[in-house]
Amino acid sequence: MLRLTVLVLFLANGLYLAWSQGWLRAYGFGPAQQTESHRLGQQIKPDAIRLLSAEDEKRLQEKARAEQAAAAL
């Protein structure tokens, strides 16, 4: 009885793996694909994004304050 239980669990695990990886999609089984390709189309220059260090951020803030002060005069 224990062998049968282990065999059934092993087969169920294998079927779940095949389903979750989409290997059964050709047979009409498989999880729904979740894609957000429309969001990629809405992005403006996604390659222009870069991370700034704390020093870069301070430098940019000082530059912005100086430009605002010059514009206010």
PDB file of N, CA and C in Angstrom:
ATOM      1  N   MET A   1       0.824  -1.194   0.000  1.00  0.00           N
ATOM      2  CA  MET A   1       0.000   0.000   0.000  1.00  0.00           C
ATOM      3  C   MET A   1       0.866   1.255   0.000  1.00  0.00           C
ATOM      4  N   LEU A   2       1.957   1.212   0.744  1.00  0.00           N
ATOM      5  CA  LEU A   2       2.851   2.366   0.816  1.00  0.00           C
ATOM      6  C   LEU A   2       3.534   2.592  -0.533  1.00  0.00           C
ATOM      7  N   ARG A   3       3.890   1.506  -1.213  1.00  0.00           N
ATOM      8  CA  ARG A   3       4.495   1.644  -2.546  1.00  0.00           C
ATOM      9  C   ARG A   3       3.538   2.307  -3.529  1.00  0.00           C
ATOM     10  N   LEU A   4       2.297   1.928  -3.473  1.00  0.00           N
ATOM     11  CA  LEU A   4       1.288   2.505  -4.359  1.00  0.00           C
ATOM     12  C   LEU A   4       1.119   4.001  -4.075  1.00  0.00           C
ATOM     13  N   THR A   5       1.115   4.374  -2.816  1.00  0.00           N
ATOM     14  CA  THR A   5       0.982   5.784  -2.438  1.00  0.00           C
ATOM     15  C   THR A   5       2.175   6.586  -2.939  1.00  0.00           C
ATOM     16  N   VAL A   6       3.360   6.055  -2.759  1.00  0.00           N
ATOM     17  CA  VAL A   6       4.570   6.740  -3.225  1.00  0.00           C
ATOM     18  C   VAL A   6       4.553   6.857  -4.742  1.00  0.00           C
ATOM     19  N   LEU A   7       4.139   5.822  -5.438  1.00  0.00           N
ATOM     20  CA  LEU A   7       4.068   5.846  -6.895  1.00  0.00           C
ATOM     21  C   LEU A   7       3.055   6.883  -7.384  1.00  0.00           C
ATOM     22  N   VAL A   8       1.904   6.925  -6.749  1.00  0.00           N
ATOM     23  CA  VAL A   8       0.873   7.899  -7.136  1.00  0.00           C
ATOM     24  C   VAL A   8       1.374   9.315  -6.886  1.00  0.00           C
ATOM     25  N   LEU A   9       2.001   9.565  -5.753  1.00  0.00           N
ATOM     26  CA  LEU A   9       2.543  10.889  -5.454  1.00  0.00           C
ATOM     27  C   LEU A   9       3.647  11.271  -6.430  1.00  0.00           C
ATOM     28  N   PHE A  10       4.480  10.313  -6.776  1.00  0.00           N
ATOM     29  CA  PHE A  10       5.560  10.577  -7.734  1.00  0.00           C
ATOM     30  C   PHE A  10       4.993  10.935  -9.109  1.00  0.00           C
ATOM     31  N   LEU A  11       3.993  10.208  -9.563  1.00  0.00           N
ATOM     32  CA  LEU A  11       3.362  10.503 -10.849  1.00  0.00           C
ATOM     33  C   LEU A  11       2.632  11.843 -10.821  1.00  0.00           C
ATOM     34  N   ALA A  12       1.953  12.136  -9.712  1.00  0.00           N
ATOM     35  CA  ALA A  12       1.261  13.417  -9.597  1.00  0.00           C
ATOM     36  C   ALA A  12       2.261  14.568  -9.616  1.00  0.00           C
ATOM     37  N   ASN A  13       3.397  14.394  -8.958  1.00  0.00           N
ATOM     38  CA  ASN A  13       4.435  15.419  -8.955  1.00  0.00           C
ATOM     39  C   ASN A  13       4.993  15.623 -10.363  1.00  0.00           C
ATOM     40  N   GLY A  14       5.207  14.548 -11.085  1.00  0.00           N
ATOM     41  CA  GLY A  14       5.696  14.640 -12.464  1.00  0.00           C
ATOM     42  C   GLY A  14       4.691  15.326 -13.377  1.00  0.00           C
ATOM     43  N   LEU A  15       3.411  15.014 -13.207  1.00  0.00           N
ATOM     44  CA  LEU A  15       2.377  15.665 -14.004  1.00  0.00           C
ATOM     45  C   LEU A  15       2.282  17.154 -13.686  1.00  0.00           C
ATOM     46  N   TYR A  16       2.410  17.493 -12.406  1.00  0.00           N
ATOM     47  CA  TYR A  16       2.371  18.908 -12.035  1.00  0.00           C
ATOM     48  C   TYR A  16       3.564  19.655 -12.630  1.00  0.00           C
ATOM     49  N   LEU A  17       4.734  19.041 -12.609  1.00  0.00           N
ATOM     50  CA  LEU A  17       5.920  19.659 -13.208  1.00  0.00           C
ATOM     51  C   LEU A  17       5.700  19.885 -14.699  1.00  0.00           C
ATOM     52  N   ALA A  18       5.207  18.877 -15.388  1.00  0.00           N
ATOM     53  CA  ALA A  18       4.961  19.006 -16.829  1.00  0.00           C
ATOM     54  C   ALA A  18       3.922  20.079 -17.108  1.00  0.00           C
ATOM     55  N   TRP A  19       2.878  20.163 -16.289  1.00  0.00           N
ATOM     56  CA  TRP A  19       1.835  21.181 -16.475  1.00  0.00           C
ATOM     57  C   TRP A  19       2.382  22.577 -16.210  1.00  0.00           C
ATOM     58  N   SER A  20       3.122  22.738 -15.096  1.00  0.00           N
ATOM     59  CA  SER A  20       3.595  24.074 -14.716  1.00  0.00           C
ATOM     60  C   SER A  20       4.662  24.596 -15.671  1.00  0.00           C
ATOM     61  N   GLN A  21       5.420  23.727 -16.312  1.00  0.00           N
ATOM     62  CA  GLN A  21       6.442  24.153 -17.264  1.00  0.00           C
ATOM     63  C   GLN A  21       5.867  24.369 -18.662  1.00  0.00           C
ATOM     64  N   GLY A  22       4.608  24.008 -18.851  1.00  0.00           N
ATOM     65  CA  GLY A  22       3.954  24.218 -20.137  1.00  0.00           C
ATOM     66  C   GLY A  22       4.229  23.122 -21.148  1.00  0.00           C
ATOM     67  N   TRP A  23       4.736  22.000 -20.689  1.00  0.00           N
ATOM     68  CA  TRP A  23       5.051  20.907 -21.605  1.00  0.00           C
ATOM     69  C   TRP A  23       3.785  20.228 -22.132  1.00  0.00           C
ATOM     70  N   LEU A  24       2.673  20.413 -21.465  1.00  0.00           N
ATOM     71  CA  LEU A  24       1.420  19.792 -21.886  1.00  0.00           C
ATOM     72  C   LEU A  24       0.541  20.751 -22.677  1.00  0.00           C
ATOM     73  N   ARG A  25       1.031  21.945 -22.972  1.00  0.00           N
ATOM     74  CA  ARG A  25       0.240  22.954 -23.660  1.00  0.00           C
ATOM     75  C   ARG A  25      -0.149  22.490 -25.076  1.00  0.00           C
ATOM     76  N   ALA A  26       0.669  21.671 -25.701  1.00  0.00           N
ATOM     77  CA  ALA A  26       0.365  21.163 -27.041  1.00  0.00           C
ATOM     78  C   ALA A  26      -0.857  20.240 -27.011  1.00  0.00           C
ATOM     79  N   TYR A  27      -1.148  19.676 -25.843  1.00  0.00           N
ATOM     80  CA  TYR A  27      -2.281  18.772 -25.701  1.00  0.00           C
ATOM     81  C   TYR A  27      -3.509  19.473 -25.120  1.00  0.00           C
ATOM     82  N   GLY A  28      -3.435  20.785 -24.946  1.00  0.00           N
ATOM     83  CA  GLY A  28      -4.566  21.538 -24.438  1.00  0.00           C
ATOM     84  C   GLY A  28      -4.547  21.765 -22.944  1.00  0.00           C
ATOM     85  N   PHE A  29      -3.463  21.375 -22.284  1.00  0.00           N
ATOM     86  CA  PHE A  29      -3.343  21.572 -20.847  1.00  0.00           C
ATOM     87  C   PHE A  29      -2.171  22.508 -20.579  1.00  0.00           C
ATOM     88  N   GLY A  30      -2.279  23.279 -19.544  1.00  0.00           N
ATOM     89  CA  GLY A  30      -1.183  24.155 -19.169  1.00  0.00           C
ATOM     90  C   GLY A  30      -1.702  25.390 -18.474  1.00  0.00           C
ATOM     91  N   PRO A  31      -0.851  26.042 -17.716  1.00  0.00           N
ATOM     92  CA  PRO A  31      -1.292  27.243 -17.008  1.00  0.00           C
ATOM     93  C   PRO A  31      -1.490  28.400 -17.976  1.00  0.00           C
ATOM     94  N   ALA A  32      -2.314  29.338 -17.581  1.00  0.00           N
ATOM     95  CA  ALA A  32      -2.533  30.523 -18.408  1.00  0.00           C
ATOM     96  C   ALA A  32      -1.267  31.376 -18.398  1.00  0.00           C
ATOM     97  N   GLN A  33      -0.860  31.815 -19.573  1.00  0.00           N
ATOM     98  CA  GLN A  33       0.330  32.643 -19.650  1.00  0.00           C
ATOM     99  C   GLN A  33      -0.008  34.045 -19.186  1.00  0.00           C
ATOM    100  N   GLN A  34       0.847  34.588 -18.351  1.00  0.00           N
ATOM    101  CA  GLN A  34       0.646  35.934 -17.844  1.00  0.00           C
ATOM    102  C   GLN A  34       1.714  36.834 -18.442  1.00  0.00           C
ATOM    103  N   THR A  35       1.307  37.594 -19.429  1.00  0.00           N
ATOM    104  CA  THR A  35       2.239  38.522 -20.048  1.00  0.00           C
ATOM    105  C   THR A  35       1.653  39.918 -19.999  1.00  0.00           C
ATOM    106  N   GLU A  36       2.508  40.887 -19.942  1.00  0.00           N
ATOM    107  CA  GLU A  36       2.078  42.277 -19.924  1.00  0.00           C
ATOM    108  C   GLU A  36       2.822  43.036 -21.023  1.00  0.00           C
ATOM    109  N   SER A  37       2.705  42.527 -22.235  1.00  0.00           N
ATOM    110  CA  SER A  37       3.420  43.142 -23.347  1.00  0.00           C
ATOM    111  C   SER A  37       2.905  44.541 -23.641  1.00  0.00           C
ATOM    112  N   HIS A  38       1.647  44.818 -23.323  1.00  0.00           N
ATOM    113  CA  HIS A  38       1.117  46.162 -23.550  1.00  0.00           C
ATOM    114  C   HIS A  38       1.818  47.183 -22.659  1.00  0.00           C
ATOM    115  N   ARG A  39       2.267  46.756 -21.488  1.00  0.00           N
ATOM    116  CA  ARG A  39       2.991  47.676 -20.606  1.00  0.00           C
ATOM    117  C   ARG A  39       4.364  48.021 -21.176  1.00  0.00           C
ATOM    118  N   LEU A  40       4.991  47.078 -21.836  1.00  0.00           N
ATOM    119  CA  LEU A  40       6.281  47.366 -22.461  1.00  0.00           C
ATOM    120  C   LEU A  40       6.133  48.403 -23.564  1.00  0.00           C
ATOM    121  N   GLY A  41       5.027  48.351 -24.277  1.00  0.00           N
ATOM    122  CA  GLY A  41       4.779  49.321 -25.334  1.00  0.00           C
ATOM    123  C   GLY A  41       4.509  50.715 -24.798  1.00  0.00           C
ATOM    124  N   GLN A  42       4.044  50.811 -23.557  1.00  0.00           N
ATOM    125  CA  GLN A  42       3.736  52.107 -22.963  1.00  0.00           C
ATOM    126  C   GLN A  42       4.969  52.788 -22.375  1.00  0.00           C
ATOM    127  N   GLN A  43       6.037  52.050 -22.209  1.00  0.00           N
ATOM    128  CA  GLN A  43       7.227  52.629 -21.589  1.00  0.00           C
ATOM    129  C   GLN A  43       7.895  53.617 -22.535  1.00  0.00           C
ATOM    130  N   ILE A  44       8.444  54.661 -21.959  1.00  0.00           N
ATOM    131  CA  ILE A  44       9.176  55.662 -22.725  1.00  0.00           C
ATOM    132  C   ILE A  44      10.652  55.497 -22.413  1.00  0.00           C
ATOM    133  N   LYS A  45      11.423  55.102 -23.399  1.00  0.00           N
ATOM    134  CA  LYS A  45      12.861  54.891 -23.278  1.00  0.00           C
ATOM    135  C   LYS A  45      13.229  54.032 -22.055  1.00  0.00           C
ATOM    136  N   PRO A  46      12.811  52.775 -22.012  1.00  0.00           N
ATOM    137  CA  PRO A  46      13.139  51.949 -20.843  1.00  0.00           C
ATOM    138  C   PRO A  46      14.631  51.678 -20.712  1.00  0.00           C
ATOM    139  N   ASP A  47      15.383  51.799 -21.797  1.00  0.00           N
ATOM    140  CA  ASP A  47      16.826  51.568 -21.728  1.00  0.00           C
ATOM    141  C   ASP A  47      17.567  52.743 -21.106  1.00  0.00           C
ATOM    142  N   ALA A  48      16.903  53.880 -20.968  1.00  0.00           N
ATOM    143  CA  ALA A  48      17.556  55.067 -20.424  1.00  0.00           C
ATOM    144  C   ALA A  48      17.575  55.069 -18.897  1.00  0.00           C
ATOM    145  N   ILE A  49      16.931  54.117 -18.269  1.00  0.00           N
ATOM    146  CA  ILE A  49      16.887  54.060 -16.812  1.00  0.00           C
ATOM    147  C   ILE A  49      18.240  53.579 -16.292  1.00  0.00           C
ATOM    148  N   ARG A  50      18.750  54.283 -15.286  1.00  0.00           N
ATOM    149  CA  ARG A  50      20.005  53.861 -14.654  1.00  0.00           C
ATOM    150  C   ARG A  50      19.936  54.184 -13.174  1.00  0.00           C
ATOM    151  N   LEU A  51      20.669  53.444 -12.389  1.00  0.00           N
ATOM    152  CA  LEU A  51      20.693  53.651 -10.954  1.00  0.00           C
ATOM    153  C   LEU A  51      21.738  54.701 -10.608  1.00  0.00           C
ATOM    154  N   LEU A  52      21.409  55.564  -9.665  1.00  0.00           N
ATOM    155  CA  LEU A  52      22.326  56.608  -9.242  1.00  0.00           C
ATOM    156  C   LEU A  52      22.863  56.284  -7.859  1.00  0.00           C
ATOM    157  N   SER A  53      24.114  56.647  -7.637  1.00  0.00           N
ATOM    158  CA  SER A  53      24.668  56.514  -6.300  1.00  0.00           C
ATOM    159  C   SER A  53      24.200  57.699  -5.469  1.00  0.00           C
ATOM    160  N   ALA A  54      24.458  57.656  -4.185  1.00  0.00           N
ATOM    161  CA  ALA A  54      24.047  58.745  -3.301  1.00  0.00           C
ATOM    162  C   ALA A  54      24.768  60.036  -3.687  1.00  0.00           C
ATOM    163  N   GLU A  55      26.014  59.921  -4.109  1.00  0.00           N
ATOM    164  CA  GLU A  55      26.781  61.106  -4.518  1.00  0.00           C
ATOM    165  C   GLU A  55      26.182  61.736  -5.777  1.00  0.00           C
ATOM    166  N   ASP A  56      25.810  60.903  -6.728  1.00  0.00           N
ATOM    167  CA  ASP A  56      25.193  61.419  -7.960  1.00  0.00           C
ATOM    168  C   ASP A  56      23.876  62.123  -7.656  1.00  0.00           C
ATOM    169  N   GLU A  57      23.104  61.544  -6.742  1.00  0.00           N
ATOM    170  CA  GLU A  57      21.820  62.149  -6.392  1.00  0.00           C
ATOM    171  C   GLU A  57      22.033  63.524  -5.751  1.00  0.00           C
ATOM    172  N   LYS A  58      22.977  63.630  -4.830  1.00  0.00           N
ATOM    173  CA  LYS A  58      23.253  64.919  -4.190  1.00  0.00           C
ATOM    174  C   LYS A  58      23.715  65.947  -5.211  1.00  0.00           C
ATOM    175  N   ARG A  59      24.566  65.525  -6.127  1.00  0.00           N
ATOM    176  CA  ARG A  59      25.075  66.432  -7.149  1.00  0.00           C
ATOM    177  C   ARG A  59      23.941  66.946  -8.041  1.00  0.00           C
ATOM    178  N   LEU A  60      23.022  66.059  -8.417  1.00  0.00           N
ATOM    179  CA  LEU A  60      21.892  66.469  -9.247  1.00  0.00           C
ATOM    180  C   LEU A  60      20.933  67.385  -8.495  1.00  0.00           C
ATOM    181  N   GLN A  61      20.731  67.118  -7.211  1.00  0.00           N
ATOM    182  CA  GLN A  61      19.861  67.995  -6.421  1.00  0.00           C
ATOM    183  C   GLN A  61      20.467  69.389  -6.296  1.00  0.00           C
ATOM    184  N   GLU A  62      21.777  69.470  -6.064  1.00  0.00           N
ATOM    185  CA  GLU A  62      22.436  70.775  -5.975  1.00  0.00           C
ATOM    186  C   GLU A  62      22.349  71.519  -7.302  1.00  0.00           C
ATOM    187  N   LYS A  63      22.519  70.793  -8.392  1.00  0.00           N
ATOM    188  CA  LYS A  63      22.430  71.406  -9.717  1.00  0.00           C
ATOM    189  C   LYS A  63      21.015  71.943  -9.963  1.00  0.00           C
ATOM    190  N   ALA A  64      19.998  71.174  -9.573  1.00  0.00           N
ATOM    191  CA  ALA A  64      18.615  71.607  -9.757  1.00  0.00           C
ATOM    192  C   ALA A  64      18.312  72.835  -8.915  1.00  0.00           C
ATOM    193  N   ARG A  65      18.827  72.860  -7.666  1.00  0.00           N
ATOM    194  CA  ARG A  65      18.608  74.044  -6.802  1.00  0.00           C
ATOM    195  C   ARG A  65      19.273  75.278  -7.403  1.00  0.00           C
ATOM    196  N   ALA A  66      20.475  75.103  -7.943  1.00  0.00           N
ATOM    197  CA  ALA A  66      21.179  76.234  -8.546  1.00  0.00           C
ATOM    198  C   ALA A  66      20.413  76.749  -9.762  1.00  0.00           C
ATOM    199  N   GLU A  67      19.875  75.849 -10.564  1.00  0.00           N
ATOM    200  CA  GLU A  67      19.114  76.258 -11.751  1.00  0.00           C
ATOM    201  C   GLU A  67      17.822  76.984 -11.338  1.00  0.00           C
ATOM    202  N   GLN A  68      17.177  76.519 -10.272  1.00  0.00           N
ATOM    203  CA  GLN A  68      15.963  77.174  -9.795  1.00  0.00           C
ATOM    204  C   GLN A  68      16.279  78.569  -9.252  1.00  0.00           C
ATOM    205  N   ALA A  69      17.398  78.670  -8.553  1.00  0.00           N
ATOM    206  CA  ALA A  69      17.786  79.981  -7.998  1.00  0.00           C
ATOM    207  C   ALA A  69      18.114  80.953  -9.141  1.00  0.00           C
ATOM    208  N   ALA A  70      18.775  80.456 -10.177  1.00  0.00           N
ATOM    209  CA  ALA A  70      19.118  81.316 -11.312  1.00  0.00           C
ATOM    210  C   ALA A  70      17.864  81.713 -12.075  1.00  0.00           C
ATOM    211  N   ALA A  71      16.889  80.826 -12.158  1.00  0.00           N
ATOM    212  CA  ALA A  71      15.661  81.148 -12.867  1.00  0.00           C
ATOM    213  C   ALA A  71      14.798  82.126 -12.081  1.00  0.00           C
ATOM    214  N   ALA A  72      14.916  82.098 -10.760  1.00  0.00           N
ATOM    215  CA  ALA A  72      14.120  82.984  -9.917  1.00  0.00           C
ATOM    216  C   ALA A  72      14.631  84.409  -9.980  1.00  0.00           C
ATOM    217  N   LEU A  73      15.892  84.608 -10.343  1.00  0.00           N
ATOM    218  CA  LEU A  73      16.454  85.963 -10.415  1.00  0.00           C
ATOM    219  C   LEU A  73      16.028  86.590 -11.666  1.00  0.00           C
TER     220      LEU A  73
END
